[in-house]
């Protein structure tokens, strides 16, 4: 028995995650993105979790989410709370997990009607150091 619909009108959902690509309602994105519960998906200029700066999280404030699900890439990486201080100061919750788990969690929360934003890092290969 189904308890919730497969698709809620006007709500973003992650439809697929592949190596180097995330799909939101059938549209593929090959770089890191911010996916609000409603509205337009936006590019997020982050190549990998190690490149994060406080400004990356300050860009999220304007969406006014109640919770941010941060997908840290292929592996779960904890990040310093100093990076997302702008969110803490506004009492916006942040949960960190690998991007695959973050996508699943995001979908559950948006279908519950939560004002959640997915901040998904799509790892890009780092150049070799010579």
N, C-alpha and C. Protein backbone atom coordinates (compact mmCIF):
# COMPACT_ATOMS: atom_id res chain seq x y z
N UNK A 1 0.84 -1.17 0.00
CA UNK A 1 0.00 0.00 0.00
C UNK A 1 0.89 1.24 0.00
N UNK A 2 0.57 2.20 -0.85
CA UNK A 2 1.31 3.45 -0.90
C UNK A 2 0.76 4.43 0.13
N UNK A 3 1.67 5.15 0.76
CA UNK A 3 1.27 6.14 1.73
C UNK A 3 1.50 7.56 1.25
N UNK A 4 2.23 7.72 0.18
CA UNK A 4 2.48 9.05 -0.36
C UNK A 4 2.61 8.95 -1.87
N UNK A 5 2.32 10.05 -2.56
CA UNK A 5 2.40 10.01 -4.02
C UNK A 5 3.84 9.93 -4.51
N UNK A 6 4.01 9.45 -5.74
CA UNK A 6 5.35 9.38 -6.33
C UNK A 6 5.90 10.76 -6.64
N UNK A 7 5.02 11.70 -6.92
CA UNK A 7 5.46 13.03 -7.31
C UNK A 7 4.51 14.06 -6.73
N UNK A 8 5.05 15.07 -6.09
CA UNK A 8 4.25 16.18 -5.60
C UNK A 8 4.49 17.37 -6.52
N UNK A 9 3.43 17.98 -6.99
CA UNK A 9 3.57 19.12 -7.89
C UNK A 9 4.36 20.25 -7.25
N UNK A 10 5.31 20.77 -8.01
CA UNK A 10 6.09 21.91 -7.57
C UNK A 10 7.22 21.60 -6.61
N UNK A 11 7.42 20.33 -6.29
CA UNK A 11 8.47 19.94 -5.35
C UNK A 11 9.60 19.27 -6.12
N UNK A 12 10.81 19.69 -5.84
CA UNK A 12 11.97 19.07 -6.48
C UNK A 12 12.23 17.69 -5.87
N UNK A 13 12.71 16.79 -6.70
CA UNK A 13 13.11 15.46 -6.23
C UNK A 13 14.30 15.00 -7.05
N UNK A 14 15.17 14.24 -6.41
CA UNK A 14 16.31 13.65 -7.09
C UNK A 14 15.81 12.37 -7.75
N UNK A 15 15.93 12.30 -9.07
CA UNK A 15 15.43 11.11 -9.77
C UNK A 15 16.51 10.06 -10.00
N UNK A 16 17.80 10.48 -10.01
CA UNK A 16 18.87 9.51 -10.24
C UNK A 16 20.20 10.15 -9.86
N UNK A 17 21.12 9.30 -9.42
CA UNK A 17 22.49 9.72 -9.14
C UNK A 17 23.42 8.73 -9.82
N UNK A 18 24.30 9.25 -10.65
CA UNK A 18 25.30 8.44 -11.35
C UNK A 18 26.67 9.02 -11.04
N UNK A 19 27.70 8.30 -11.41
CA UNK A 19 29.06 8.83 -11.23
C UNK A 19 29.19 10.15 -11.98
N UNK A 20 29.40 11.22 -11.23
CA UNK A 20 29.61 12.53 -11.84
C UNK A 20 28.36 13.22 -12.36
N UNK A 21 27.17 12.71 -12.01
CA UNK A 21 25.94 13.30 -12.54
C UNK A 21 24.79 13.09 -11.56
N UNK A 22 24.03 14.16 -11.34
CA UNK A 22 22.84 14.09 -10.50
C UNK A 22 21.66 14.54 -11.35
N UNK A 23 20.55 13.84 -11.23
CA UNK A 23 19.35 14.13 -12.01
C UNK A 23 18.26 14.67 -11.09
N UNK A 24 17.72 15.82 -11.46
CA UNK A 24 16.59 16.40 -10.74
C UNK A 24 15.43 16.47 -11.73
N UNK A 25 14.40 15.68 -11.48
CA UNK A 25 13.23 15.60 -12.38
C UNK A 25 13.63 15.41 -13.83
N UNK A 26 14.53 14.50 -14.09
CA UNK A 26 14.89 14.17 -15.46
C UNK A 26 15.91 15.10 -16.11
N UNK A 27 16.38 16.11 -15.40
CA UNK A 27 17.41 17.00 -15.92
C UNK A 27 18.73 16.66 -15.24
N UNK A 28 19.76 16.42 -16.06
CA UNK A 28 21.07 16.03 -15.53
C UNK A 28 21.92 17.26 -15.23
N UNK A 29 22.64 17.18 -14.10
CA UNK A 29 23.61 18.20 -13.71
C UNK A 29 24.92 17.49 -13.47
N UNK A 30 26.01 18.02 -14.03
CA UNK A 30 27.31 17.37 -13.92
C UNK A 30 28.28 18.09 -13.00
N UNK A 31 27.77 19.04 -12.26
CA UNK A 31 28.60 19.73 -11.29
C UNK A 31 27.79 19.89 -10.00
N UNK A 32 28.43 20.38 -8.98
CA UNK A 32 27.78 20.56 -7.69
C UNK A 32 26.59 21.50 -7.83
N UNK A 33 25.53 21.20 -7.08
CA UNK A 33 24.29 21.98 -7.20
C UNK A 33 23.65 22.22 -5.84
N UNK A 34 22.82 23.27 -5.81
CA UNK A 34 21.93 23.55 -4.69
C UNK A 34 20.52 23.24 -5.18
N UNK A 35 19.84 22.34 -4.48
CA UNK A 35 18.50 21.93 -4.88
C UNK A 35 17.54 22.30 -3.75
N UNK A 36 16.76 23.38 -3.94
CA UNK A 36 15.77 23.72 -2.92
C UNK A 36 14.54 22.82 -3.03
N UNK A 37 13.77 22.77 -1.98
CA UNK A 37 12.56 21.94 -1.99
C UNK A 37 11.61 22.40 -3.09
N UNK A 38 11.58 23.67 -3.37
CA UNK A 38 10.79 24.24 -4.47
C UNK A 38 11.66 25.26 -5.18
N UNK A 39 11.46 25.41 -6.47
CA UNK A 39 12.19 26.43 -7.21
C UNK A 39 13.29 25.84 -8.06
N UNK A 40 14.09 26.74 -8.55
CA UNK A 40 15.11 26.39 -9.54
C UNK A 40 16.38 25.83 -8.91
N UNK A 41 16.89 24.79 -9.52
CA UNK A 41 18.18 24.22 -9.13
C UNK A 41 19.27 25.20 -9.56
N UNK A 42 20.26 25.42 -8.70
CA UNK A 42 21.32 26.36 -9.01
C UNK A 42 22.68 25.69 -8.96
N UNK A 43 23.54 26.09 -9.86
CA UNK A 43 24.93 25.62 -9.84
C UNK A 43 25.57 26.10 -8.54
N UNK A 44 26.44 25.27 -7.99
CA UNK A 44 27.16 25.60 -6.75
C UNK A 44 28.64 25.42 -7.07
N UNK A 45 29.42 26.48 -7.12
CA UNK A 45 30.81 26.39 -7.58
C UNK A 45 31.75 25.73 -6.58
N UNK A 46 31.56 24.42 -6.38
CA UNK A 46 32.38 23.63 -5.46
C UNK A 46 32.88 22.40 -6.21
N UNK A 47 34.20 22.26 -6.34
CA UNK A 47 34.75 21.10 -7.04
C UNK A 47 34.85 19.86 -6.15
N UNK A 48 35.04 20.06 -4.85
CA UNK A 48 35.12 18.95 -3.90
C UNK A 48 35.00 19.54 -2.50
N UNK A 49 34.75 18.68 -1.52
CA UNK A 49 34.52 19.14 -0.16
C UNK A 49 35.72 19.90 0.42
N UNK A 50 36.92 19.55 0.01
CA UNK A 50 38.12 20.23 0.52
C UNK A 50 38.20 21.69 0.06
N UNK A 51 37.48 22.04 -1.00
CA UNK A 51 37.53 23.40 -1.55
C UNK A 51 36.48 24.33 -0.93
N UNK A 52 35.68 23.84 0.00
CA UNK A 52 34.62 24.65 0.58
C UNK A 52 35.15 25.85 1.36
N UNK A 53 34.42 26.95 1.24
CA UNK A 53 34.71 28.18 1.95
C UNK A 53 33.40 28.66 2.60
N UNK A 54 33.47 29.51 3.62
CA UNK A 54 32.24 30.03 4.23
C UNK A 54 31.27 30.66 3.22
N UNK A 55 31.78 31.31 2.19
CA UNK A 55 30.91 31.94 1.19
C UNK A 55 30.01 30.94 0.48
N UNK A 56 30.47 29.69 0.35
CA UNK A 56 29.63 28.67 -0.29
C UNK A 56 28.36 28.43 0.52
N UNK A 57 28.46 28.47 1.83
CA UNK A 57 27.29 28.26 2.68
C UNK A 57 26.48 29.53 2.86
N UNK A 58 27.14 30.68 2.80
CA UNK A 58 26.41 31.95 2.87
C UNK A 58 25.44 32.09 1.70
N UNK A 59 25.78 31.48 0.56
CA UNK A 59 24.90 31.52 -0.62
C UNK A 59 23.59 30.79 -0.37
N UNK A 60 23.55 29.92 0.61
CA UNK A 60 22.36 29.13 0.91
C UNK A 60 21.33 29.92 1.72
N UNK A 61 21.77 30.89 2.48
CA UNK A 61 20.91 31.63 3.39
C UNK A 61 19.69 32.21 2.69
N UNK A 62 19.85 32.72 1.49
CA UNK A 62 18.75 33.35 0.76
C UNK A 62 17.59 32.42 0.43
N UNK A 63 17.82 31.12 0.45
CA UNK A 63 16.75 30.15 0.19
C UNK A 63 15.82 29.99 1.39
N UNK A 64 16.29 30.38 2.57
CA UNK A 64 15.57 30.30 3.84
C UNK A 64 15.05 28.87 4.12
N UNK A 65 15.93 27.88 4.07
CA UNK A 65 15.51 26.52 4.41
C UNK A 65 15.45 26.35 5.92
N UNK A 66 14.74 25.33 6.36
CA UNK A 66 14.80 24.99 7.79
C UNK A 66 15.92 23.99 8.04
N UNK A 67 16.34 23.29 6.98
CA UNK A 67 17.37 22.28 7.10
C UNK A 67 18.15 22.17 5.79
N UNK A 68 19.46 21.98 5.89
CA UNK A 68 20.31 21.76 4.73
C UNK A 68 20.85 20.34 4.83
N UNK A 69 20.66 19.57 3.77
CA UNK A 69 21.25 18.24 3.66
C UNK A 69 22.48 18.41 2.78
N UNK A 70 23.65 18.25 3.38
CA UNK A 70 24.90 18.46 2.67
C UNK A 70 25.46 17.12 2.24
N UNK A 71 25.55 16.91 0.93
CA UNK A 71 26.16 15.71 0.37
C UNK A 71 27.61 16.01 0.06
N UNK A 72 28.54 15.37 0.78
CA UNK A 72 29.96 15.74 0.73
C UNK A 72 30.75 15.08 -0.40
N UNK A 73 30.08 14.40 -1.32
CA UNK A 73 30.78 13.74 -2.41
C UNK A 73 30.64 12.23 -2.29
N UNK A 74 31.52 11.51 -2.95
CA UNK A 74 31.45 10.05 -2.94
C UNK A 74 31.66 9.45 -1.55
N UNK A 75 32.43 10.13 -0.72
CA UNK A 75 32.68 9.67 0.64
C UNK A 75 32.11 10.67 1.64
N UNK A 76 31.71 10.18 2.78
CA UNK A 76 31.24 11.05 3.86
C UNK A 76 32.43 11.79 4.45
N UNK A 77 32.36 13.11 4.41
CA UNK A 77 33.43 13.93 4.97
C UNK A 77 32.81 14.95 5.91
N UNK A 78 33.28 14.95 7.14
CA UNK A 78 32.83 15.97 8.07
C UNK A 78 33.50 17.29 7.70
N UNK A 79 32.76 18.37 7.87
CA UNK A 79 33.31 19.69 7.59
C UNK A 79 33.23 20.53 8.86
N UNK A 80 34.10 21.49 8.95
CA UNK A 80 34.17 22.36 10.12
C UNK A 80 32.91 23.22 10.23
N UNK A 81 32.32 23.31 11.43
CA UNK A 81 31.19 24.20 11.62
C UNK A 81 31.51 25.66 11.29
N UNK A 82 32.78 26.03 11.32
CA UNK A 82 33.16 27.40 10.95
C UNK A 82 32.76 27.70 9.50
N UNK A 83 32.73 26.68 8.66
CA UNK A 83 32.36 26.89 7.26
C UNK A 83 30.88 27.23 7.11
N UNK A 84 30.03 26.64 7.94
CA UNK A 84 28.60 26.91 7.80
C UNK A 84 28.04 27.74 8.97
N UNK A 85 28.90 28.57 9.52
CA UNK A 85 28.51 29.45 10.62
C UNK A 85 27.31 30.32 10.28
N UNK A 86 27.22 30.81 9.03
CA UNK A 86 26.10 31.66 8.61
C UNK A 86 24.77 30.91 8.79
N UNK A 87 24.78 29.61 8.59
CA UNK A 87 23.57 28.81 8.77
C UNK A 87 23.27 28.61 10.26
N UNK A 88 24.29 28.32 11.04
CA UNK A 88 24.12 28.12 12.48
C UNK A 88 23.53 29.38 13.11
N UNK A 89 24.06 30.54 12.73
CA UNK A 89 23.60 31.81 13.31
C UNK A 89 22.14 32.08 13.00
N UNK A 90 21.63 31.51 11.93
CA UNK A 90 20.22 31.69 11.55
C UNK A 90 19.36 30.50 11.96
N UNK A 91 19.94 29.63 12.76
CA UNK A 91 19.23 28.46 13.29
C UNK A 91 18.73 27.54 12.18
N UNK A 92 19.54 27.41 11.12
CA UNK A 92 19.26 26.48 10.03
C UNK A 92 20.08 25.23 10.29
N UNK A 93 19.41 24.10 10.40
CA UNK A 93 20.09 22.85 10.68
C UNK A 93 20.90 22.37 9.49
N UNK A 94 21.97 21.64 9.76
CA UNK A 94 22.82 21.08 8.71
C UNK A 94 23.12 19.62 9.06
N UNK A 95 22.86 18.73 8.11
CA UNK A 95 23.20 17.32 8.26
C UNK A 95 24.15 16.96 7.13
N UNK A 96 25.23 16.27 7.45
CA UNK A 96 26.25 15.92 6.47
C UNK A 96 26.28 14.41 6.27
N UNK A 97 26.35 14.01 5.00
CA UNK A 97 26.47 12.60 4.63
C UNK A 97 27.05 12.52 3.23
N UNK A 98 27.38 11.32 2.76
CA UNK A 98 27.85 11.23 1.38
C UNK A 98 26.70 11.62 0.45
N UNK A 99 27.02 11.98 -0.78
CA UNK A 99 26.01 12.52 -1.68
C UNK A 99 24.89 11.53 -1.98
N UNK A 100 25.19 10.25 -2.11
CA UNK A 100 24.13 9.26 -2.38
C UNK A 100 23.13 9.22 -1.23
N UNK A 101 23.61 9.16 0.00
CA UNK A 101 22.72 9.15 1.17
C UNK A 101 21.97 10.47 1.28
N UNK A 102 22.65 11.57 0.96
CA UNK A 102 22.01 12.88 1.02
C UNK A 102 20.86 12.99 0.02
N UNK A 103 21.02 12.42 -1.16
CA UNK A 103 19.95 12.44 -2.16
C UNK A 103 18.72 11.68 -1.66
N UNK A 104 18.94 10.51 -1.09
CA UNK A 104 17.82 9.72 -0.56
C UNK A 104 17.12 10.47 0.58
N UNK A 105 17.89 11.04 1.48
CA UNK A 105 17.33 11.77 2.61
C UNK A 105 16.56 13.00 2.14
N UNK A 106 17.12 13.73 1.19
CA UNK A 106 16.46 14.90 0.62
C UNK A 106 15.07 14.52 0.09
N UNK A 107 15.00 13.44 -0.69
CA UNK A 107 13.72 13.02 -1.26
C UNK A 107 12.68 12.71 -0.18
N UNK A 108 13.09 12.03 0.86
CA UNK A 108 12.16 11.71 1.95
C UNK A 108 11.64 12.99 2.58
N UNK A 109 12.54 13.92 2.86
CA UNK A 109 12.15 15.16 3.55
C UNK A 109 11.25 16.05 2.70
N UNK A 110 11.54 16.19 1.41
CA UNK A 110 10.66 17.04 0.59
C UNK A 110 9.27 16.42 0.46
N UNK A 111 9.20 15.10 0.42
CA UNK A 111 7.90 14.45 0.32
C UNK A 111 7.13 14.50 1.64
N UNK A 112 7.82 14.85 2.72
CA UNK A 112 7.16 15.10 4.00
C UNK A 112 6.73 16.55 4.13
N UNK A 113 7.06 17.36 3.12
CA UNK A 113 6.68 18.77 3.14
C UNK A 113 7.65 19.68 3.87
N UNK A 114 8.87 19.20 4.09
CA UNK A 114 9.87 20.00 4.80
C UNK A 114 10.53 21.02 3.86
N UNK A 115 10.92 22.14 4.41
CA UNK A 115 11.64 23.19 3.67
C UNK A 115 13.13 22.86 3.75
N UNK A 116 13.53 21.94 2.91
CA UNK A 116 14.89 21.43 2.93
C UNK A 116 15.63 21.85 1.67
N UNK A 117 16.91 22.06 1.80
CA UNK A 117 17.75 22.37 0.65
C UNK A 117 18.86 21.33 0.58
N UNK A 118 19.05 20.76 -0.59
CA UNK A 118 20.14 19.82 -0.81
C UNK A 118 21.33 20.56 -1.38
N UNK A 119 22.47 20.46 -0.73
CA UNK A 119 23.73 21.04 -1.22
C UNK A 119 24.61 19.85 -1.57
N UNK A 120 24.66 19.52 -2.86
CA UNK A 120 25.28 18.28 -3.29
C UNK A 120 26.60 18.54 -4.01
N UNK A 121 27.67 17.97 -3.45
CA UNK A 121 29.00 18.09 -4.06
C UNK A 121 29.18 16.93 -5.03
N UNK A 122 29.51 17.27 -6.25
CA UNK A 122 29.84 16.27 -7.27
C UNK A 122 31.34 16.35 -7.43
N UNK A 123 32.06 15.38 -6.88
CA UNK A 123 33.52 15.39 -6.88
C UNK A 123 34.07 15.50 -8.30
N UNK A 124 35.04 16.37 -8.45
CA UNK A 124 35.78 16.47 -9.71
C UNK A 124 37.21 16.03 -9.42
N UNK A 125 37.77 15.36 -10.37
CA UNK A 125 39.14 14.87 -10.20
C UNK A 125 40.08 16.02 -9.93
N UNK A 126 40.94 15.83 -8.96
CA UNK A 126 41.93 16.85 -8.66
C UNK A 126 43.16 16.60 -9.52
N UNK A 127 43.76 17.67 -10.05
CA UNK A 127 44.93 17.48 -10.89
C UNK A 127 46.10 16.90 -10.09
N UNK A 128 46.90 16.13 -10.77
CA UNK A 128 48.07 15.53 -10.13
C UNK A 128 49.07 16.63 -9.80
N UNK A 129 49.72 16.47 -8.66
CA UNK A 129 50.75 17.43 -8.25
C UNK A 129 52.09 16.89 -8.70
N UNK A 130 52.86 17.72 -9.41
CA UNK A 130 54.15 17.25 -9.89
C UNK A 130 55.29 17.80 -9.06
